[in-house]
Amino acid sequence: MQQVCLLTVVSLFVTSAQCKTPGLQTRITDRALEYATEVALDILSKQVTGQQIPDQHGQSGDVKFDITGMNVKQFTKPSSRVSLIQNVGLSWSTSGTGLAIHGDFKYKYRKGIIKISDHGSFDLKANGINFQVKIEIGMDGTGRPTMKAVGCSCNVGSADIKFHGGAAWIYNLFSGQLENKLKDMVGGGNGLLCKQLNTLIDVNGMKSLQKLPVTVQIAKRFLLDYRFLSKPSFQTKFMETYHKGEVYWNAVPVDAPFAAPPLLKSSDTSRMMYIWLSDYVFNTMSYNALKYNQLQYNVTNKDLPSGVLNTTCPQSTCIGKIIKAIGTKFPNTTVMLYMKSTSMPNMTAQNGSTVVNASGDIVFFAQQPGGKYTYFLTLSATMSTTISLMIQNEKVFAKVLKLPISVTVKDSKIPVSPEGLNFIVKGIVSVFVEPKLNELGAAGFPLPVINSVHFTNTQLTVAKDTLLIATDLKYSG
C-alpha cells in the first residue's frame, strides 16, 4: 500500500540535516506542503475507496440485525490545511470529507407471536467528516529520518442511511442505532480513517522514508553521506533539514580534517524547495581521492589519438619529433606519462563562478624492450579550471569552460624547449585532462530525493562556498 498522509508525501521530497555546519541543507516551504496535501488526498481517496468494513451485529428493541459486506464506494475530497509545529513536526487537518458506504443487512423482528425476517441492501452517506493528525518528524540513532502519527481524531457530522428491500416500518426501529454505529466506525480516534492514517504514516510512511538515499555509493569507492546531523527545525513558513554532506572513502569512512564553511543565508520562500550544497561535499571527495591514490593515471597511446606518444614517426605530430631529444635518445618506442596530483584539488564557489584549482606532476618514461620503462622527465603542472554547473534529473552536472594549464620543468634528463612544453600542454595534457574532467562531470552528483519526485522551474545560484538550488516539485508516483 502506498504512502498517503501529508508527511509521507513531504518525505518524498527530501531527507533531512545541525550540531556542526552541514554540508547540505534543505528548506521545504508551505507551498510544497500545500501541494503535498493535494497529492496526499488523491492517494488517500484511492486507498479508502473500496476499503472493507467489519461486519456489525446489534439489537434495537424487538429487532436483531446483521450488517455485512460493507465497503466504501466513494470518498469526497475535503479541503485541508497544514501548519508547522515548532520542535514537533506538522499538523494536518481537513474539513468536508464525505464517504458513501454500501452493504447488506438482514433482520429478525419478534414480538409475541409475530415473527418477521427479511434482508436487503443499504447505502450510507456520511458527510461533514473532519479529521486531524499530528506528525512527529525526527531522526533515529543512525541519522535516518523518522515519522510517527500522534493524536489522530475524526468527527462525523451526519449520516443518512437508505434501505433497499424489506419492510419500511421496521427500518425505523433500528436505523438510528445503526447510523450511530457506522458513524463511530468511521470517526473517532480508532475509527476507519484514523486507523488508515496511522498505518500509512507509521508503517507505509516509514517504508517510504527508508527509500530516501541518505548514503550513496559513488564509483564503488566513495560513500556520499546525506544523513541527518540533527532533527529538522520548523518555522511558520517552512521546515529545514541539516545533512552531513560529506564524501568518505567507502572502506574507511573517517571524517575529513577540515570543516564545512558557513552556507549562504537566504529568507526566500517563493519556491517549494531549496537545497544548499556546500563545496565541502566535493572537496571531501577530492581529499579522499588524493589520500587513497585515486588521482593518478598512466597515460599511453591508447588514451591519445594518432600515436602522439611515439618517439619515431613519419609525420611531425608525435612527441619524438616535437621534442627531438626524446626521439634521439629513445628511438622506435613509445612514451608513458604517469600523471598524479600532488595536492588536493579544491573547488571554490563564489560570485557566480565555480573554479577547481589543482596541481600535480607529469612523469615521463620511455618503454624499453622487455616491458621495462626508463625515466627521463618530470614536469610540474598547475591548473585553475572554471566549470559550469547545471541541475538535471535531480543531479548536479558539470562541464569545463576554461582549462588553463601551466607547466614547468621539475627534473629532466634531457633538454626541453618552450615549444616542447607548449606541445605537451596543448597536444597531450589538454586533450586528455579536459575529456576526463567532462566525463566525471557528465556522471552527475546525486541529490537526496527519491525517484518519484522531480524538479521543475529550477534555478541555480552560485555564491560563496555554496550552490543554492531553488525549485518547485512534481510528484509522479
Protein backbone atom coordinates (compact mmCIF):
# COMPACT_ATOMS: atom_id res chain seq x y z
CA MET A 1 0.00 0.00 0.00
CA GLN A 2 1.39 3.37 -0.96
CA GLN A 3 2.15 6.16 1.48
CA VAL A 4 -0.68 8.63 1.82
CA CYS A 5 -0.57 11.24 4.55
CA LEU A 6 0.91 14.65 4.12
CA LEU A 7 4.20 13.99 5.76
CA THR A 8 4.75 10.85 3.78
CA VAL A 9 4.44 12.87 0.62
CA VAL A 10 6.67 15.57 2.06
CA SER A 11 9.19 12.90 2.93
CA LEU A 12 9.35 12.03 -0.75
CA PHE A 13 10.72 15.46 -1.44
CA VAL A 14 13.91 15.20 0.56
CA THR A 15 15.59 13.67 3.53
CA SER A 16 16.59 15.77 6.43
CA ALA A 17 20.01 17.52 8.34
CA GLN A 18 22.83 20.88 12.84
CA CYS A 19 25.34 20.49 15.54
CA LYS A 20 28.21 21.31 13.21
CA THR A 21 27.95 23.20 9.95
CA PRO A 22 26.09 21.00 7.46
CA GLY A 23 27.48 20.18 4.07
CA LEU A 24 23.94 20.19 2.74
CA GLN A 25 20.78 21.93 3.94
CA THR A 26 17.23 21.87 2.63
CA ARG A 27 14.15 24.01 3.10
CA ILE A 28 10.61 22.80 2.34
CA THR A 29 8.18 25.70 2.20
CA ASP A 30 4.46 25.99 2.84
CA ARG A 31 3.95 25.99 -0.95
CA ALA A 32 5.38 22.48 -1.02
CA LEU A 33 3.17 21.44 1.88
CA GLU A 34 0.07 22.75 0.12
CA TYR A 35 0.99 20.78 -2.97
CA ALA A 36 1.73 17.76 -0.82
CA THR A 37 -1.75 17.81 0.71
CA GLU A 38 -3.32 17.67 -2.73
CA VAL A 39 -1.18 14.68 -3.66
CA ALA A 40 -1.84 13.05 -0.29
CA LEU A 41 -5.60 13.43 -0.55
CA ASP A 42 -5.60 11.91 -4.03
CA ILE A 43 -3.72 8.90 -2.66
CA LEU A 44 -5.97 8.75 0.40
CA SER A 45 -9.03 8.68 -1.84
CA LYS A 46 -7.65 5.68 -3.73
CA GLN A 47 -6.76 3.88 -0.52
CA VAL A 48 -10.05 4.44 1.28
CA THR A 49 -12.28 3.73 -1.72
CA GLY A 50 -13.01 0.00 -1.72
CA GLN A 51 -11.94 -0.36 1.92
CA GLN A 52 -13.77 -3.25 3.62
CA ILE A 53 -15.57 -2.52 6.90
CA PRO A 54 -16.03 -5.24 9.54
CA ASP A 55 -19.49 -6.80 9.89
CA GLN A 56 -21.72 -5.38 12.58
CA HIS A 57 -24.41 -7.07 14.70
CA GLY A 58 -26.86 -5.49 17.08
CA GLN A 59 -30.31 -5.33 18.60
CA SER A 60 -32.72 -2.46 18.96
CA GLY A 61 -35.82 -3.35 20.95
CA ASP A 62 -37.55 -6.23 19.26
CA VAL A 63 -35.25 -6.17 16.20
CA LYS A 64 -32.00 -8.07 15.81
CA PHE A 65 -29.94 -7.03 12.80
CA ASP A 66 -26.76 -8.08 11.00
CA ILE A 67 -24.83 -5.77 8.68
CA THR A 68 -22.37 -7.48 6.33
CA GLY A 69 -20.37 -6.94 3.15
CA MET A 70 -19.73 -3.25 3.80
CA ASN A 71 -17.23 -1.31 1.73
CA VAL A 72 -16.52 2.31 0.90
CA LYS A 73 -17.86 3.16 -2.56
CA GLN A 74 -16.90 6.84 -2.71
CA PHE A 75 -14.56 9.30 -1.00
CA THR A 76 -15.28 13.02 -1.35
CA LYS A 77 -12.07 15.02 -1.26
CA PRO A 78 -12.09 17.60 1.55
CA SER A 79 -10.41 20.96 1.94
CA SER A 80 -7.29 20.76 4.09
CA ARG A 81 -4.78 22.83 5.97
CA VAL A 82 -1.24 22.12 7.09
CA SER A 83 0.56 24.00 9.84
CA LEU A 84 4.07 23.58 11.20
CA ILE A 85 4.54 22.93 14.91
CA GLN A 86 7.84 24.13 16.34
CA ASN A 87 10.10 21.32 17.59
CA VAL A 88 7.48 18.69 16.65
CA GLY A 89 6.54 18.46 13.00
CA LEU A 90 3.29 19.03 11.18
CA SER A 91 -0.40 19.23 11.91
CA TRP A 92 -2.74 18.23 9.10
CA SER A 93 -6.45 18.93 9.38
CA THR A 94 -9.29 18.55 6.89
CA SER A 95 -12.94 19.50 6.71
CA GLY A 96 -15.81 18.46 4.49
CA THR A 97 -14.85 14.87 3.79
CA GLY A 98 -17.68 12.62 2.59
CA LEU A 99 -17.98 8.85 2.44
CA ALA A 100 -20.50 6.64 0.68
CA ILE A 101 -20.79 3.10 2.09
CA HIS A 102 -22.72 0.19 0.62
CA GLY A 103 -23.60 -3.01 2.48
CA ASP A 104 -26.11 -5.78 3.06
CA PHE A 105 -28.48 -6.27 6.00
CA LYS A 106 -30.80 -8.84 7.43
CA TYR A 107 -33.07 -8.55 10.44
CA LYS A 108 -35.38 -10.54 12.65
CA TYR A 109 -38.38 -8.89 14.28
CA ARG A 110 -40.12 -10.77 17.05
CA LYS A 111 -42.91 -9.54 19.27
CA GLY A 112 -45.18 -12.06 20.84
CA ILE A 113 -46.31 -14.46 18.21
CA ILE A 114 -45.34 -12.07 15.40
CA LYS A 115 -42.09 -13.07 13.66
CA ILE A 116 -40.73 -11.24 10.66
CA SER A 117 -37.35 -11.67 9.00
CA ASP A 118 -36.01 -10.15 5.82
CA HIS A 119 -32.88 -8.92 4.12
CA GLY A 120 -31.74 -6.35 1.60
CA SER A 121 -29.03 -3.77 1.00
CA PHE A 122 -28.39 -0.25 2.17
CA ASP A 123 -26.45 2.89 1.23
CA LEU A 124 -25.00 5.19 3.87
CA LYS A 125 -23.77 8.69 3.19
CA ALA A 126 -21.56 10.22 5.89
CA ASN A 127 -20.91 13.94 5.47
CA GLY A 128 -19.11 16.71 7.28
CA ILE A 129 -16.24 14.45 8.29
CA ASN A 130 -13.29 16.32 9.79
CA PHE A 131 -10.03 14.73 10.84
CA GLN A 132 -6.78 15.99 12.32
CA VAL A 133 -3.46 14.26 12.83
CA LYS A 134 -0.08 15.41 14.09
CA ILE A 135 3.05 14.01 12.52
CA GLU A 136 6.25 13.97 14.52
CA ILE A 137 9.38 14.16 12.38
CA GLY A 138 12.73 13.24 13.84
CA MET A 139 15.80 11.09 13.40
CA ASP A 140 16.98 7.75 14.71
CA GLY A 141 20.36 6.86 16.16
CA THR A 142 21.86 6.28 12.71
CA GLY A 143 20.89 9.68 11.34
CA ARG A 144 17.96 8.45 9.29
CA PRO A 145 14.62 10.30 9.25
CA THR A 146 11.66 9.06 11.27
CA MET A 147 7.97 9.90 11.40
CA LYS A 148 5.13 9.00 13.70
CA ALA A 149 1.41 9.77 13.77
CA VAL A 150 0.24 11.27 17.06
CA GLY A 151 -3.26 12.07 18.36
CA CYS A 152 -5.43 11.38 15.34
CA SER A 153 -9.04 12.48 15.79
CA CYS A 154 -12.03 12.26 13.46
CA ASN A 155 -15.61 13.55 13.72
CA VAL A 156 -18.58 12.68 11.50
CA GLY A 157 -21.12 15.47 11.07
CA SER A 158 -24.07 13.48 9.78
CA ALA A 159 -25.03 10.06 8.46
CA ASP A 160 -28.01 9.30 6.23
CA ILE A 161 -28.97 5.68 5.54
CA LYS A 162 -31.28 4.34 2.84
CA PHE A 163 -32.52 0.73 2.81
CA HIS A 164 -33.42 -1.31 -0.25
CA GLY A 165 -35.72 -4.29 0.37
CA GLY A 166 -37.63 -5.41 3.49
CA ALA A 167 -40.47 -3.75 5.38
CA ALA A 168 -40.03 0.01 5.65
CA TRP A 169 -41.71 0.39 9.06
CA ILE A 170 -39.17 -1.98 10.67
CA TYR A 171 -36.24 0.17 9.48
CA ASN A 172 -37.34 2.91 11.83
CA LEU A 173 -36.87 0.55 14.77
CA PHE A 174 -33.12 0.16 14.28
CA SER A 175 -31.90 2.69 11.66
CA GLY A 176 -30.91 5.28 14.28
CA GLN A 177 -28.78 2.83 16.21
CA LEU A 178 -27.21 1.57 13.01
CA GLU A 179 -26.37 5.10 11.88
CA ASN A 180 -24.63 5.76 15.20
CA LYS A 181 -22.71 2.50 14.93
CA LEU A 182 -21.47 3.38 11.46
CA LYS A 183 -20.56 6.95 12.50
CA ASP A 184 -18.49 5.52 15.34
CA MET A 185 -16.80 3.08 12.96
CA VAL A 186 -15.79 5.84 10.55
CA GLY A 187 -14.97 8.53 13.12
CA GLY A 188 -13.17 8.62 16.42
CA GLY A 189 -9.50 8.16 17.17
CA ASN A 190 -9.81 4.43 16.49
CA GLY A 191 -12.18 4.63 13.54
CA LEU A 192 -11.72 3.76 9.89
CA LEU A 193 -9.98 6.96 8.80
CA CYS A 194 -7.64 7.28 11.78
CA LYS A 195 -6.65 3.62 11.54
CA GLN A 196 -5.88 4.12 7.89
CA LEU A 197 -3.87 7.26 8.54
CA ASN A 198 -1.93 5.79 11.45
CA THR A 199 -1.00 2.71 9.45
CA LEU A 200 0.03 4.69 6.43
CA ILE A 201 2.18 7.08 8.45
CA ASP A 202 3.76 4.67 10.91
CA VAL A 203 4.18 1.70 8.58
CA ASN A 204 3.98 2.70 4.93
CA GLY A 205 5.36 6.17 5.55
CA MET A 206 8.43 4.76 7.27
CA LYS A 207 8.94 2.34 4.40
CA SER A 208 8.90 5.33 2.08
CA LEU A 209 11.47 7.12 4.20
CA GLN A 210 13.75 4.10 4.05
CA LYS A 211 13.95 4.60 0.29
CA LEU A 212 15.44 8.05 0.70
CA PRO A 213 19.12 7.93 -0.30
CA VAL A 214 20.88 9.12 2.86
CA THR A 215 24.03 7.28 1.79
CA VAL A 216 25.01 6.77 -1.84
CA GLN A 217 27.93 4.82 -3.27
CA ILE A 218 29.93 6.66 -5.93
CA ALA A 219 32.12 4.70 -8.32
CA LYS A 220 32.09 1.79 -5.80
CA ARG A 221 34.91 3.52 -3.88
CA PHE A 222 33.30 6.53 -2.25
CA LEU A 223 30.34 6.93 0.09
CA LEU A 224 28.24 10.09 -0.14
CA ASP A 225 26.73 10.70 3.31
CA TYR A 226 23.48 12.71 3.49
CA ARG A 227 22.48 11.54 6.98
CA PHE A 228 20.93 13.96 9.47
CA LEU A 229 23.14 15.98 11.78
CA SER A 230 20.13 16.86 13.93
CA LYS A 231 16.35 16.89 13.94
CA PRO A 232 14.65 19.16 11.41
CA SER A 233 13.60 22.65 12.52
CA PHE A 234 10.15 24.10 11.92
CA GLN A 235 9.25 27.74 11.30
CA THR A 236 5.93 29.34 10.37
CA LYS A 237 6.54 29.21 6.64
CA PHE A 238 8.94 26.29 6.21
CA MET A 239 10.79 23.32 7.64
CA GLU A 240 14.55 22.98 7.34
CA THR A 241 16.77 19.93 7.41
CA TYR A 242 20.51 19.63 8.00
CA HIS A 243 22.68 16.94 6.44
CA LYS A 244 26.25 15.83 6.96
CA GLY A 245 27.05 16.28 3.27
CA GLU A 246 30.43 14.54 3.26
CA VAL A 247 32.07 12.05 0.92
CA TYR A 248 34.06 9.22 2.54
CA TRP A 249 36.38 6.56 1.30
CA ASN A 250 33.94 3.67 1.37
CA ALA A 251 36.25 1.16 3.01
CA VAL A 252 37.46 3.59 5.72
CA PRO A 253 34.73 6.17 6.47
CA VAL A 254 36.69 8.75 8.50
CA ASP A 255 35.84 12.47 8.70
CA ALA A 256 38.00 14.84 6.67
CA PRO A 257 40.37 17.05 8.73
CA PHE A 258 38.56 20.26 7.77
CA ALA A 259 35.08 21.62 8.47
CA ALA A 260 32.31 22.72 6.15
CA PRO A 261 32.22 26.51 5.64
CA PRO A 262 29.09 28.51 6.55
CA LEU A 263 26.34 28.29 3.95
CA LEU A 264 24.73 31.25 2.21
CA LYS A 265 21.91 32.87 4.20
CA SER A 266 18.54 33.25 2.50
CA SER A 267 14.99 34.03 3.62
CA ASP A 268 13.33 33.24 0.29
CA THR A 269 10.24 31.01 0.38
CA SER A 270 8.80 31.65 -3.10
CA ARG A 271 9.70 28.15 -4.37
CA MET A 272 8.67 24.80 -2.95
CA MET A 273 12.13 23.62 -2.04
CA TYR A 274 15.66 24.92 -1.56
CA ILE A 275 18.90 22.93 -1.38
CA TRP A 276 22.14 24.48 -0.14
CA LEU A 277 25.06 22.36 -1.36
CA SER A 278 28.44 23.28 0.11
CA ASP A 279 31.66 22.95 -1.88
CA TYR A 280 32.67 20.90 1.20
CA VAL A 281 30.82 17.96 -0.38
CA PHE A 282 33.07 17.98 -3.43
CA ASN A 283 36.25 18.83 -1.52
CA THR A 284 35.86 15.90 0.89
CA MET A 285 35.68 13.63 -2.13
CA SER A 286 38.86 15.24 -3.50
CA TYR A 287 40.57 14.79 -0.14
CA ASN A 288 39.84 11.07 -0.03
CA ALA A 289 40.61 10.59 -3.70
CA LEU A 290 44.10 12.02 -3.10
CA LYS A 291 44.58 10.16 0.19
CA TYR A 292 43.74 6.79 -1.34
CA ASN A 293 45.71 7.27 -4.56
CA GLN A 294 42.78 7.75 -6.91
CA LEU A 295 44.23 10.86 -8.56
CA GLN A 296 46.90 9.16 -10.61
CA TYR A 297 46.83 7.67 -14.06
CA ASN A 298 49.18 6.17 -16.63
CA VAL A 299 48.59 7.86 -19.99
CA THR A 300 49.60 5.80 -23.02
CA ASN A 301 48.90 5.87 -26.75
CA LYS A 302 45.54 4.19 -26.14
CA ASP A 303 44.39 7.35 -24.36
CA LEU A 304 45.50 9.74 -27.11
CA PRO A 305 44.90 9.83 -30.88
CA SER A 306 47.27 9.08 -33.77
CA GLY A 307 50.34 7.80 -31.95
CA VAL A 308 51.09 11.09 -30.24
CA LEU A 309 53.38 9.36 -27.72
CA ASN A 310 55.54 7.64 -30.34
CA THR A 311 59.22 8.58 -30.28
CA THR A 312 59.63 7.91 -34.01
CA CYS A 313 57.04 8.80 -36.65
CA PRO A 314 56.90 9.84 -40.33
CA GLN A 315 54.70 12.80 -39.51
CA SER A 316 55.63 15.72 -37.28
CA THR A 317 52.97 15.34 -34.61
CA CYS A 318 54.49 12.75 -32.31
CA ILE A 319 56.41 13.56 -29.15
CA GLY A 320 59.71 12.33 -30.58
CA LYS A 321 59.57 14.89 -33.40
CA ILE A 322 58.41 17.85 -31.28
CA ILE A 323 60.93 17.19 -28.50
CA LYS A 324 63.83 15.92 -30.60
CA ALA A 325 65.90 14.83 -27.62
CA ILE A 326 63.29 12.17 -26.85
CA GLY A 327 63.34 10.80 -30.38
CA THR A 328 67.14 10.77 -30.42
CA LYS A 329 67.61 9.08 -27.03
CA PHE A 330 64.70 6.63 -27.26
CA PRO A 331 64.03 5.84 -30.93
CA ASN A 332 61.31 3.47 -32.16
CA THR A 333 59.42 3.21 -28.89
CA THR A 334 56.64 4.95 -27.02
CA VAL A 335 56.38 7.23 -24.03
CA MET A 336 54.19 6.72 -20.98
CA LEU A 337 53.08 9.65 -18.83
CA TYR A 338 52.46 8.99 -15.14
CA MET A 339 50.12 11.77 -14.00
CA LYS A 340 49.43 12.30 -10.31
CA SER A 341 48.02 15.05 -8.11
CA THR A 342 50.45 16.45 -5.57
CA SER A 343 47.80 18.35 -3.60
CA MET A 344 44.07 18.04 -3.06
CA PRO A 345 42.04 19.56 -5.91
CA ASN A 346 39.99 22.32 -4.32
CA MET A 347 36.64 23.59 -5.55
CA THR A 348 35.66 27.17 -4.73
CA ALA A 349 32.22 28.58 -5.47
CA GLN A 350 31.94 32.36 -5.39
CA ASN A 351 30.16 35.23 -7.14
CA GLY A 352 28.54 33.22 -9.89
CA SER A 353 31.54 31.09 -10.85
CA THR A 354 32.94 27.75 -9.79
CA VAL A 355 36.67 27.09 -10.00
CA VAL A 356 38.68 23.93 -9.33
CA ASN A 357 42.37 24.51 -8.54
CA ALA A 358 44.70 21.55 -8.87
CA SER A 359 48.40 20.78 -9.13
CA GLY A 360 50.36 17.69 -9.96
CA ASP A 361 53.35 16.06 -11.57
CA ILE A 362 53.69 14.55 -15.03
CA VAL A 363 56.44 11.93 -15.04
CA PHE A 364 57.79 10.66 -18.38
CA PHE A 365 59.03 7.14 -19.05
CA ALA A 366 60.27 5.57 -22.28
CA GLN A 367 59.27 1.96 -22.86
CA GLN A 368 62.22 -0.37 -23.27
CA PRO A 369 62.49 -3.91 -24.68
CA GLY A 370 61.05 -6.46 -22.28
CA GLY A 371 58.40 -4.06 -20.98
CA LYS A 372 60.72 -2.01 -18.76
CA TYR A 373 60.43 1.78 -18.55
CA THR A 374 63.21 4.36 -18.31
CA TYR A 375 62.54 7.62 -16.50
CA PHE A 376 63.70 10.84 -18.15
CA LEU A 377 61.50 13.86 -17.26
CA THR A 378 59.22 15.32 -14.56
CA LEU A 379 57.01 18.35 -15.12
CA SER A 380 55.01 20.28 -12.53
CA ALA A 381 51.54 21.28 -13.70
CA THR A 382 49.01 23.65 -12.18
CA MET A 383 45.54 24.42 -13.46
CA SER A 384 42.64 26.63 -12.46
CA THR A 385 39.58 25.17 -14.13
CA THR A 386 36.37 27.16 -14.48
CA ILE A 387 33.32 24.91 -14.71
CA SER A 388 29.65 25.47 -15.44
CA LEU A 389 27.07 23.68 -13.34
CA MET A 390 23.53 22.62 -14.21
CA ILE A 391 20.72 20.75 -12.48
CA GLN A 392 19.02 17.97 -14.42
CA ASN A 393 17.19 14.83 -13.31
CA GLU A 394 17.81 15.79 -9.68
CA LYS A 395 21.59 15.66 -10.14
CA VAL A 396 24.31 18.31 -10.37
CA PHE A 397 26.24 18.12 -13.65
CA ALA A 398 29.45 19.95 -14.55
CA LYS A 399 31.24 20.95 -17.75
CA VAL A 400 34.66 22.54 -18.26
CA LEU A 401 34.54 26.11 -19.55
CA LYS A 402 38.20 27.10 -19.21
CA LEU A 403 41.21 24.89 -18.62
CA PRO A 404 44.39 26.98 -18.38
CA ILE A 405 47.35 24.74 -17.54
CA SER A 406 50.81 25.94 -16.61
CA VAL A 407 53.72 23.53 -16.90
CA THR A 408 57.31 23.91 -15.68
CA VAL A 409 60.26 21.54 -15.67
CA LYS A 410 60.81 19.99 -12.24
CA ASP A 411 63.51 17.47 -13.17
CA SER A 412 64.92 16.45 -16.53
CA LYS A 413 67.49 14.09 -18.02
CA ILE A 414 67.05 15.69 -21.47
CA PRO A 415 66.80 19.27 -22.78
CA VAL A 416 63.22 20.52 -23.22
CA SER A 417 62.42 23.64 -25.24
CA PRO A 418 59.50 26.05 -24.61
CA GLU A 419 57.94 24.73 -27.83
CA GLY A 420 58.14 21.24 -26.40
CA LEU A 421 56.37 22.29 -23.20
CA ASN A 422 53.68 24.02 -25.24
CA PHE A 423 53.14 20.80 -27.20
CA ILE A 424 52.83 18.79 -24.01
CA VAL A 425 50.23 21.21 -22.61
CA LYS A 426 48.10 21.65 -25.71
CA GLY A 427 48.71 18.44 -27.56
CA ILE A 428 48.74 15.95 -24.69
CA VAL A 429 47.54 17.24 -21.32
CA SER A 430 44.56 19.26 -22.56
CA VAL A 431 43.48 16.51 -24.94
CA PHE A 432 43.44 14.01 -22.11
CA VAL A 433 42.59 16.03 -18.98
CA GLU A 434 39.61 18.00 -20.28
CA PRO A 435 37.70 14.95 -21.61
CA LYS A 436 38.36 13.13 -18.33
CA LEU A 437 37.02 16.04 -16.31
CA ASN A 438 33.95 16.31 -18.53
CA GLU A 439 33.42 12.57 -18.20
CA LEU A 440 33.32 12.93 -14.42
CA GLY A 441 31.02 15.97 -14.66
CA ALA A 442 28.64 14.15 -17.01
CA ALA A 443 28.18 11.32 -14.48
CA GLY A 444 26.32 13.75 -12.21
CA PHE A 445 26.31 14.25 -8.47
CA PRO A 446 23.12 12.85 -6.88
CA LEU A 447 20.88 14.97 -4.65
CA PRO A 448 18.85 13.43 -1.78
CA VAL A 449 15.46 12.86 -3.40
CA ILE A 450 13.68 9.69 -4.47
CA ASN A 451 12.71 8.71 -7.98
CA SER A 452 9.05 9.76 -7.79
CA VAL A 453 9.84 13.43 -7.10
CA HIS A 454 11.16 15.67 -9.86
CA PHE A 455 12.40 19.25 -10.05
CA THR A 456 10.65 21.84 -12.18
CA ASN A 457 11.18 25.58 -12.63
CA THR A 458 14.66 25.17 -11.17
CA GLN A 459 17.18 27.96 -10.56
CA LEU A 460 20.84 27.57 -9.56
CA THR A 461 22.72 30.33 -7.74
CA VAL A 462 26.48 30.13 -7.18
CA ALA A 463 27.55 32.12 -4.11
CA LYS A 464 30.43 31.97 -1.63
CA ASP A 465 31.12 28.30 -0.82
CA THR A 466 27.51 27.46 -1.76
CA LEU A 467 25.42 26.14 -4.62
CA LEU A 468 21.83 27.18 -3.91
CA ILE A 469 19.16 25.26 -5.80
CA ALA A 470 15.65 26.78 -5.74
CA THR A 471 12.98 24.61 -7.31
CA ASP A 472 9.37 23.63 -7.49
CA LEU A 473 8.41 19.96 -7.33
CA LYS A 474 6.32 17.47 -9.25
CA TYR A 475 5.24 14.12 -7.85
CA SER A 476 4.87 11.26 -10.34
CA GLY A 477 4.24 8.29 -8.06
